[in-house]
Amino acid sequence: MTHDTANAPNDLSAFWMPFTSNRQFKKNPRMFVSAEGMYYKTADGRDVMDGSAGLWCVNAGHKSPLIVEAIAKQAAELDYAPAFQMGHPKAFELATVLRDLAPDPMEHVFFTNSGSESVETALKIALAYHRARGEGTRTRLIGRERGYHGVNFGGISVGGIVNNRKFFGSLLTGVDHMPHTHMPEQNAFTRGQPEHGAYLADNLENIVTLHGAENIAAVIVEPIAGSTGVLIPPKGYLQKLRDICTKHGILLIFDEVITGFGRLGSNFAADHFGVMPDMITTAKGLTNGVIPMGAVLTTGAIHDAFMTGPEEAIELFHGYTYSGNPIACACGLECRFSGWLLGRRAAQSERVAACDRHPQRRSDRRGRARVHPGCPDQARF
């Protein structure tokens, strides 16, 4: 069957849109037809500021000529190569670049296709890591209320946003949640990190007491909780989590799908807050939203725990058809966030933080660097 796309009616019925009120949208669709820099263009010719950088992913702006050139060149040279028992140069090159960008403990990179897949991968690595070390009883995973870790089963299980969980059955077993850190009574209108709330990390000790450290594999948190409303960690909170995890042999995973690659003016939130996890999940800004891609960064200790047994044995039975896709890698290499971009983001942080012309209309104000909820300068569409 052929389709005359040039003269076909604009039929919206086939596409089941994600996280969208489909019936309402299709009665009054809001369509973008192009984008450049920090603006989208609508079908009727209006410019709309992309105040949220797409879905927190277009860190370098739209239609970068260098990115366009890089993906076009790669598509013409090598459009696809499998990552199972084979390889191509750009996957190794990008992994090296990411290792060098990451905090010192991170030495290895596992490629995925999204933030959801990065989270799923990190959780599976955590479980398999403990088993490889002879601690197979460590199967329990700890998330946090109001946390967002993508939409796959592992991610919604450790996540804490109700509507993302309640329609999908019992989810994974063996999951607990720490309380969230939103404390408007004590921390409203805070610039930077709130003074109150570090003690909330002590709830992790309560969970350890309940289940036993020998049964807990990993804790996963967003250093800055994004989708739930931009919750900045209280001073000392992340370090307390790090100390408790270290004390009990529990892996600490930072979900940096939003905060990674310059959003806080540094490469990662781990750098920004000076707290080092055992794994970092990434996506979004890795390829500027142009090509789907994610990555999990791990310490050498985690990676090396798998590198035992016969050399011809597969160490980790996990991966994706598109892991390390050549075009995605070429895009990621072009988007590797050199010093000028990070410097510009750091310089703009205070300007964004001051974006509050009508404080009397707000019950709270919070933010850090380039992560702020509801900036009044954002254009409406």
Protein backbone atom coordinates (compact mmCIF):
# COMPACT_ATOMS: atom_id res chain seq x y z
CA MET A 1 0.00 0.00 0.00
CA THR A 2 1.31 3.46 -0.90
CA HIS A 3 0.56 6.72 0.88
CA ASP A 4 0.28 10.06 -0.86
CA THR A 5 1.76 12.00 2.02
CA ALA A 6 1.88 15.26 0.08
CA ASN A 7 -1.90 15.44 -0.34
CA ALA A 8 -3.07 13.27 2.57
CA PRO A 9 -5.35 14.92 5.15
CA ASN A 10 -3.80 15.70 8.50
CA ASP A 11 -5.18 12.65 10.30
CA LEU A 12 -4.22 12.72 13.99
CA SER A 13 -5.99 9.53 15.04
CA ALA A 14 -3.19 6.97 14.58
CA PHE A 15 -0.64 8.47 17.00
CA TRP A 16 -1.33 7.54 20.64
CA MET A 17 0.56 10.37 22.32
CA PRO A 18 2.52 9.83 25.57
CA PHE A 19 1.62 11.68 28.78
CA THR A 20 -1.06 13.61 26.87
CA SER A 21 -4.82 14.11 27.08
CA ASN A 22 -5.18 12.75 23.54
CA ARG A 23 -8.84 13.59 22.94
CA GLN A 24 -8.45 17.17 24.09
CA PHE A 25 -5.21 17.69 22.16
CA LYS A 26 -6.61 16.37 18.89
CA LYS A 27 -9.56 18.75 19.10
CA ASN A 28 -7.18 21.70 19.34
CA PRO A 29 -3.67 20.51 18.36
CA ARG A 30 -0.57 22.53 19.17
CA MET A 31 1.96 21.80 16.45
CA PHE A 32 5.59 22.83 16.04
CA VAL A 33 6.97 22.63 12.52
CA SER A 34 10.57 23.77 12.99
CA ALA A 35 13.03 25.01 15.59
CA GLU A 36 16.25 27.00 15.76
CA GLY A 37 18.26 28.26 18.67
CA MET A 38 15.91 28.66 21.63
CA TYR A 39 12.66 29.01 19.63
CA TYR A 40 10.11 26.71 18.07
CA LYS A 41 8.09 27.77 15.03
CA THR A 42 4.35 26.97 14.88
CA ALA A 43 2.39 26.05 11.78
CA ASP A 44 0.92 29.57 11.69
CA GLY A 45 4.34 31.21 11.81
CA ARG A 46 4.65 32.19 15.48
CA ASP A 47 7.89 31.87 17.46
CA VAL A 48 7.59 30.11 20.83
CA MET A 49 10.44 30.21 23.31
CA ASP A 50 11.56 26.75 24.36
CA GLY A 51 11.75 27.71 28.02
CA SER A 52 12.15 24.13 29.25
CA ALA A 53 14.72 23.01 26.64
CA GLY A 54 12.30 20.48 25.17
CA LEU A 55 11.86 17.95 27.97
CA TRP A 56 15.02 19.12 29.80
CA CYS A 57 17.13 17.80 26.93
CA VAL A 58 17.98 20.48 24.33
CA ASN A 59 20.87 21.86 26.37
CA ALA A 60 22.72 23.42 23.44
CA GLY A 61 19.71 24.78 21.55
CA HIS A 62 17.97 23.61 18.40
CA LYS A 63 19.39 23.08 14.92
CA SER A 64 23.06 23.37 15.78
CA PRO A 65 24.91 23.32 12.44
CA LEU A 66 27.73 21.24 13.92
CA ILE A 67 25.35 18.61 15.25
CA VAL A 68 23.41 18.48 11.98
CA GLU A 69 26.67 18.03 10.08
CA ALA A 70 27.94 15.32 12.44
CA ILE A 71 24.84 13.12 12.19
CA ALA A 72 24.56 13.56 8.42
CA LYS A 73 28.20 12.59 7.93
CA GLN A 74 27.86 9.55 10.18
CA ALA A 75 24.66 8.38 8.49
CA ALA A 76 26.47 8.43 5.16
CA GLU A 77 29.47 6.55 6.56
CA LEU A 78 28.10 3.94 9.00
CA ASP A 79 24.45 4.14 9.97
CA TYR A 80 24.23 1.05 12.19
CA ALA A 81 26.50 -1.54 13.74
CA PRO A 82 25.58 -4.08 16.42
CA ALA A 83 27.20 -3.80 19.85
CA PHE A 84 26.90 -7.52 20.69
CA GLN A 85 30.31 -9.16 20.11
CA MET A 86 31.16 -6.42 17.58
CA GLY A 87 31.97 -2.74 17.73
CA HIS A 88 32.68 0.50 15.91
CA PRO A 89 35.17 3.26 16.77
CA LYS A 90 32.78 6.03 17.79
CA ALA A 91 31.20 4.03 20.63
CA PHE A 92 34.62 3.61 22.24
CA GLU A 93 35.53 7.22 21.54
CA LEU A 94 32.35 8.57 23.12
CA ALA A 95 32.73 6.27 26.13
CA THR A 96 36.22 7.66 26.68
CA VAL A 97 34.98 11.24 26.40
CA LEU A 98 32.20 10.57 28.93
CA ARG A 99 34.62 8.88 31.30
CA ASP A 100 36.86 11.95 31.15
CA LEU A 101 33.90 14.29 31.76
CA ALA A 102 32.60 12.27 34.69
CA PRO A 103 33.77 12.51 38.31
CA ASP A 104 36.94 10.55 39.07
CA PRO A 105 35.31 7.37 40.47
CA MET A 106 33.47 6.78 37.17
CA GLU A 107 35.58 4.71 34.80
CA HIS A 108 33.18 2.76 32.56
CA VAL A 109 30.16 3.49 30.37
CA PHE A 110 27.23 1.27 29.37
CA PHE A 111 25.13 2.74 26.53
CA THR A 112 21.33 2.71 26.47
CA ASN A 113 18.66 4.56 24.48
CA SER A 114 16.84 6.66 27.10
CA GLY A 115 16.76 7.70 30.72
CA SER A 116 14.27 4.95 31.49
CA GLU A 117 16.62 2.34 30.05
CA SER A 118 19.57 3.87 31.92
CA VAL A 119 17.72 3.47 35.21
CA GLU A 120 16.70 -0.10 34.36
CA THR A 121 20.28 -0.88 33.45
CA ALA A 122 21.70 0.60 36.65
CA LEU A 123 19.26 -1.38 38.81
CA LYS A 124 20.12 -4.61 37.01
CA ILE A 125 23.84 -3.91 37.32
CA ALA A 126 23.41 -3.29 41.05
CA LEU A 127 21.66 -6.63 41.57
CA ALA A 128 24.14 -8.55 39.42
CA TYR A 129 27.12 -6.81 41.06
CA HIS A 130 26.21 -8.06 44.53
CA ARG A 131 25.58 -11.56 43.18
CA ALA A 132 28.96 -11.54 41.44
CA ARG A 133 30.58 -10.69 44.77
CA GLY A 134 28.83 -13.53 46.59
CA GLU A 135 26.18 -11.32 48.23
CA GLY A 136 23.17 -12.55 46.30
CA THR A 137 20.81 -11.77 49.19
CA ARG A 138 21.14 -8.07 48.37
CA THR A 139 18.04 -7.71 46.21
CA ARG A 140 16.08 -4.89 47.83
CA LEU A 141 15.98 -1.51 46.07
CA ILE A 142 15.35 1.84 47.75
CA GLY A 143 13.82 4.86 46.02
CA ARG A 144 12.20 8.04 47.29
CA GLU A 145 8.71 9.52 47.47
CA ARG A 146 8.02 11.88 44.54
CA GLY A 147 11.03 10.49 42.69
CA TYR A 148 10.94 10.10 38.91
CA HIS A 149 13.11 7.42 37.33
CA GLY A 150 11.48 6.87 33.97
CA VAL A 151 8.56 4.67 33.02
CA ASN A 152 9.89 1.12 32.77
CA PHE A 153 8.93 -1.34 35.51
CA GLY A 154 12.08 -0.89 37.54
CA GLY A 155 11.89 2.87 37.26
CA ILE A 156 8.26 3.21 38.32
CA SER A 157 8.85 0.73 41.14
CA VAL A 158 11.63 2.81 42.75
CA GLY A 159 9.91 6.01 41.63
CA GLY A 160 7.42 7.77 43.83
CA ILE A 161 4.98 9.63 41.56
CA VAL A 162 1.56 8.11 42.19
CA ASN A 163 -0.02 8.32 38.73
CA ASN A 164 3.04 6.71 37.16
CA ARG A 165 2.57 3.67 39.42
CA LYS A 166 -1.03 3.03 40.33
CA PHE A 167 -2.31 1.72 36.98
CA PHE A 168 0.33 -1.00 36.53
CA GLY A 169 -0.23 -3.66 39.15
CA SER A 170 2.10 -4.68 41.95
CA LEU A 171 5.31 -3.57 40.17
CA LEU A 172 8.63 -4.98 41.44
CA THR A 173 8.66 -6.59 44.85
CA GLY A 174 11.27 -5.73 47.47
CA VAL A 175 11.19 -1.95 47.03
CA ASP A 176 11.05 0.68 49.76
CA HIS A 177 10.85 4.47 49.63
CA MET A 178 12.47 7.17 51.69
CA PRO A 179 10.47 10.35 52.37
CA HIS A 180 10.78 13.25 49.94
CA THR A 181 12.62 16.45 50.87
CA HIS A 182 9.93 19.02 50.10
CA MET A 183 9.52 21.10 53.29
CA PRO A 184 7.79 24.37 52.33
CA GLU A 185 7.06 25.26 55.95
CA GLN A 186 10.79 25.51 56.73
CA ASN A 187 12.38 26.08 53.32
CA ALA A 188 10.01 28.24 51.26
CA PHE A 189 11.66 30.97 49.17
CA THR A 190 15.11 29.44 49.57
CA ARG A 191 17.85 30.40 47.14
CA GLY A 192 20.16 27.48 46.58
CA GLN A 193 20.19 24.55 48.97
CA PRO A 194 17.70 24.63 51.85
CA GLU A 195 19.06 24.80 55.38
CA HIS A 196 16.59 22.29 56.81
CA GLY A 197 16.08 18.64 55.98
CA ALA A 198 19.41 16.82 56.07
CA TYR A 199 17.98 14.63 58.83
CA LEU A 200 15.54 13.10 56.32
CA ALA A 201 18.42 10.97 55.05
CA ASP A 202 18.39 9.18 58.41
CA ASN A 203 15.23 7.40 57.25
CA LEU A 204 17.54 5.21 55.19
CA GLU A 205 18.99 3.91 58.47
CA ASN A 206 15.47 2.96 59.55
CA ILE A 207 14.99 0.95 56.35
CA VAL A 208 18.33 -0.77 56.89
CA THR A 209 17.31 -1.66 60.43
CA LEU A 210 14.01 -3.07 59.17
CA HIS A 211 15.39 -5.27 56.39
CA GLY A 212 19.05 -5.75 57.22
CA ALA A 213 21.89 -4.25 55.22
CA GLU A 214 22.71 -7.68 53.81
CA ASN A 215 19.42 -7.60 51.87
CA ILE A 216 19.68 -4.13 50.30
CA ALA A 217 21.32 -3.69 46.91
CA ALA A 218 21.02 -0.02 46.02
CA VAL A 219 19.55 3.39 46.72
CA ILE A 220 18.56 5.59 43.78
CA VAL A 221 17.77 9.31 43.98
CA GLU A 222 17.73 12.33 41.74
CA PRO A 223 20.28 14.80 43.15
CA ILE A 224 17.72 17.46 42.19
CA ALA A 225 14.24 15.99 41.83
CA GLY A 226 12.97 17.38 38.53
CA SER A 227 9.60 16.13 37.37
CA THR A 228 8.01 16.44 40.79
CA GLY A 229 8.62 20.20 40.90
CA VAL A 230 12.38 20.88 41.19
CA LEU A 231 13.31 19.90 44.75
CA ILE A 232 16.80 21.02 45.73
CA PRO A 233 18.53 18.72 48.25
CA PRO A 234 18.92 20.19 51.73
CA LYS A 235 22.46 20.99 52.79
CA GLY A 236 24.20 17.82 53.91
CA TYR A 237 21.42 15.49 52.72
CA LEU A 238 23.24 13.86 49.80
CA GLN A 239 26.42 13.41 51.81
CA LYS A 240 24.44 11.68 54.56
CA LEU A 241 23.00 9.28 52.01
CA ARG A 242 26.52 8.62 50.72
CA ASP A 243 27.84 7.95 54.23
CA ILE A 244 24.99 5.57 55.14
CA CYS A 245 25.35 3.64 51.88
CA THR A 246 29.11 3.34 52.34
CA LYS A 247 28.67 2.19 55.94
CA HIS A 248 26.33 -0.64 54.93
CA GLY A 249 27.84 -1.66 51.58
CA ILE A 250 24.85 -0.35 49.61
CA LEU A 251 25.34 1.11 46.12
CA LEU A 252 24.27 4.73 45.64
CA ILE A 253 22.88 5.64 42.21
CA PHE A 254 22.40 9.25 41.12
CA ASP A 255 19.75 9.65 38.43
CA GLU A 256 21.26 12.53 36.45
CA VAL A 257 19.12 12.19 33.35
CA ILE A 258 18.08 15.83 33.88
CA THR A 259 21.04 17.28 35.76
CA GLY A 260 23.84 15.74 33.70
CA PHE A 261 25.85 17.51 31.01
CA GLY A 262 25.93 21.09 32.18
CA ARG A 263 22.48 21.88 33.52
CA LEU A 264 23.92 22.98 36.86
CA GLY A 265 26.93 24.73 35.34
CA SER A 266 29.13 21.69 35.99
CA ASN A 267 29.35 18.39 34.16
CA PHE A 268 27.21 16.54 36.71
CA ALA A 269 25.31 17.22 39.90
CA ALA A 270 27.80 14.91 41.62
CA ASP A 271 30.48 17.52 40.80
CA HIS A 272 28.20 20.39 41.75
CA PHE A 273 27.36 19.04 45.20
CA GLY A 274 30.68 17.28 45.80
CA VAL A 275 29.08 13.91 46.54
CA MET A 276 30.16 10.87 44.54
CA PRO A 277 27.76 7.97 43.85
CA ASP A 278 28.64 4.50 42.60
CA MET A 279 26.66 4.89 39.37
CA ILE A 280 25.25 7.81 37.39
CA THR A 281 22.36 7.40 34.94
CA THR A 282 22.24 9.82 32.01
CA ALA A 283 20.36 10.56 28.77
CA LYS A 284 18.60 13.77 27.56
CA GLY A 285 21.47 16.26 27.17
CA LEU A 286 23.85 13.49 26.11
CA THR A 287 22.73 14.00 22.50
CA ASN A 288 20.88 17.32 22.95
CA GLY A 289 17.57 15.49 22.39
CA VAL A 290 18.44 14.99 18.72
CA ILE A 291 18.94 11.21 18.74
CA PRO A 292 17.70 8.88 21.52
CA MET A 293 20.62 7.83 23.71
CA GLY A 294 21.45 7.20 27.33
CA ALA A 295 24.41 5.96 29.33
CA VAL A 296 25.18 4.50 32.74
CA LEU A 297 28.50 5.53 34.27
CA THR A 298 29.99 3.11 36.79
CA THR A 299 33.01 2.94 39.04
CA GLY A 300 35.88 0.68 38.23
CA ALA A 301 35.05 -1.48 41.24
CA ILE A 302 31.58 -2.28 39.90
CA HIS A 303 32.85 -3.04 36.41
CA ASP A 304 35.75 -5.16 37.62
CA ALA A 305 33.51 -7.33 39.79
CA PHE A 306 32.08 -8.77 36.55
CA MET A 307 35.45 -9.32 34.87
CA THR A 308 36.08 -12.78 36.28
CA GLY A 309 35.94 -16.31 34.90
CA PRO A 310 36.93 -17.35 31.36
CA GLU A 311 37.76 -14.44 29.05
CA GLU A 312 35.39 -15.77 26.39
CA ALA A 313 32.40 -15.66 28.78
CA ILE A 314 29.77 -12.91 28.52
CA GLU A 315 30.06 -10.94 31.75
CA LEU A 316 26.68 -9.17 31.75
CA PHE A 317 23.62 -10.55 30.00
CA HIS A 318 22.08 -7.20 29.23
CA GLY A 319 22.01 -4.71 26.38
CA TYR A 320 19.92 -3.19 23.60
CA THR A 321 19.74 -3.41 19.82
CA TYR A 322 20.66 0.26 19.60
CA SER A 323 23.28 0.41 22.37
CA GLY A 324 26.04 2.71 21.13
CA ASN A 325 24.32 3.40 17.80
CA PRO A 326 26.88 5.05 15.45
CA ILE A 327 24.72 8.07 14.61
CA ALA A 328 23.86 8.62 18.27
CA CYS A 329 27.55 8.36 19.16
CA ALA A 330 28.49 10.91 16.51
CA CYS A 331 25.84 13.24 17.88
CA GLY A 332 27.02 12.68 21.45
CA LEU A 333 30.61 13.44 20.50
CA GLU A 334 29.54 16.73 18.94
CA CYS A 335 27.50 17.54 22.07
CA ARG A 336 30.22 16.77 24.58
CA PHE A 337 29.76 20.07 26.36
CA SER A 338 33.11 21.78 26.10
CA GLY A 339 34.21 24.47 28.52
CA TRP A 340 32.58 27.40 26.71
CA LEU A 341 29.10 25.89 27.10
CA LEU A 342 29.61 25.03 30.76
CA GLY A 343 31.05 28.47 31.40
CA ARG A 344 28.08 30.17 29.78
CA ARG A 345 25.66 28.08 31.82
CA ALA A 346 27.45 28.93 35.05
CA ALA A 347 27.39 32.64 34.19
CA GLN A 348 23.67 32.52 33.45
CA SER A 349 22.74 30.71 36.66
CA GLU A 350 22.22 33.83 38.73
CA ARG A 351 20.20 35.52 35.99
CA VAL A 352 17.84 32.54 35.83
CA ALA A 353 17.61 32.37 39.61
CA ALA A 354 16.49 36.00 39.67
CA CYS A 355 13.68 35.34 37.19
CA ASP A 356 10.80 36.15 39.53
CA ARG A 357 8.84 39.27 38.71
CA HIS A 358 5.70 38.42 40.65
CA PRO A 359 6.69 36.82 43.98
CA GLN A 360 3.32 37.68 45.51
CA ARG A 361 1.72 35.09 43.22
CA ARG A 362 3.84 32.25 44.54
CA SER A 363 3.72 30.08 47.62
CA ASP A 364 7.35 29.02 47.17
CA ARG A 365 10.48 29.76 45.21
CA ARG A 366 13.35 27.37 44.72
CA GLY A 367 15.98 26.47 42.17
CA ARG A 368 19.61 25.81 41.46
CA ALA A 369 21.69 27.00 38.53
CA ARG A 370 19.65 26.31 35.36
CA VAL A 371 16.96 24.23 37.09
CA HIS A 372 13.96 26.33 38.15
CA PRO A 373 10.21 25.66 38.14
CA GLY A 374 7.80 27.98 36.38
CA CYS A 375 10.05 30.83 35.29
CA PRO A 376 7.70 33.74 34.48
CA ASP A 377 9.70 34.63 31.33
CA GLN A 378 8.73 31.33 29.73
CA ALA A 379 6.46 31.97 26.76
CA ARG A 380 2.95 30.55 26.83
CA PHE A 381 1.66 28.39 24.03
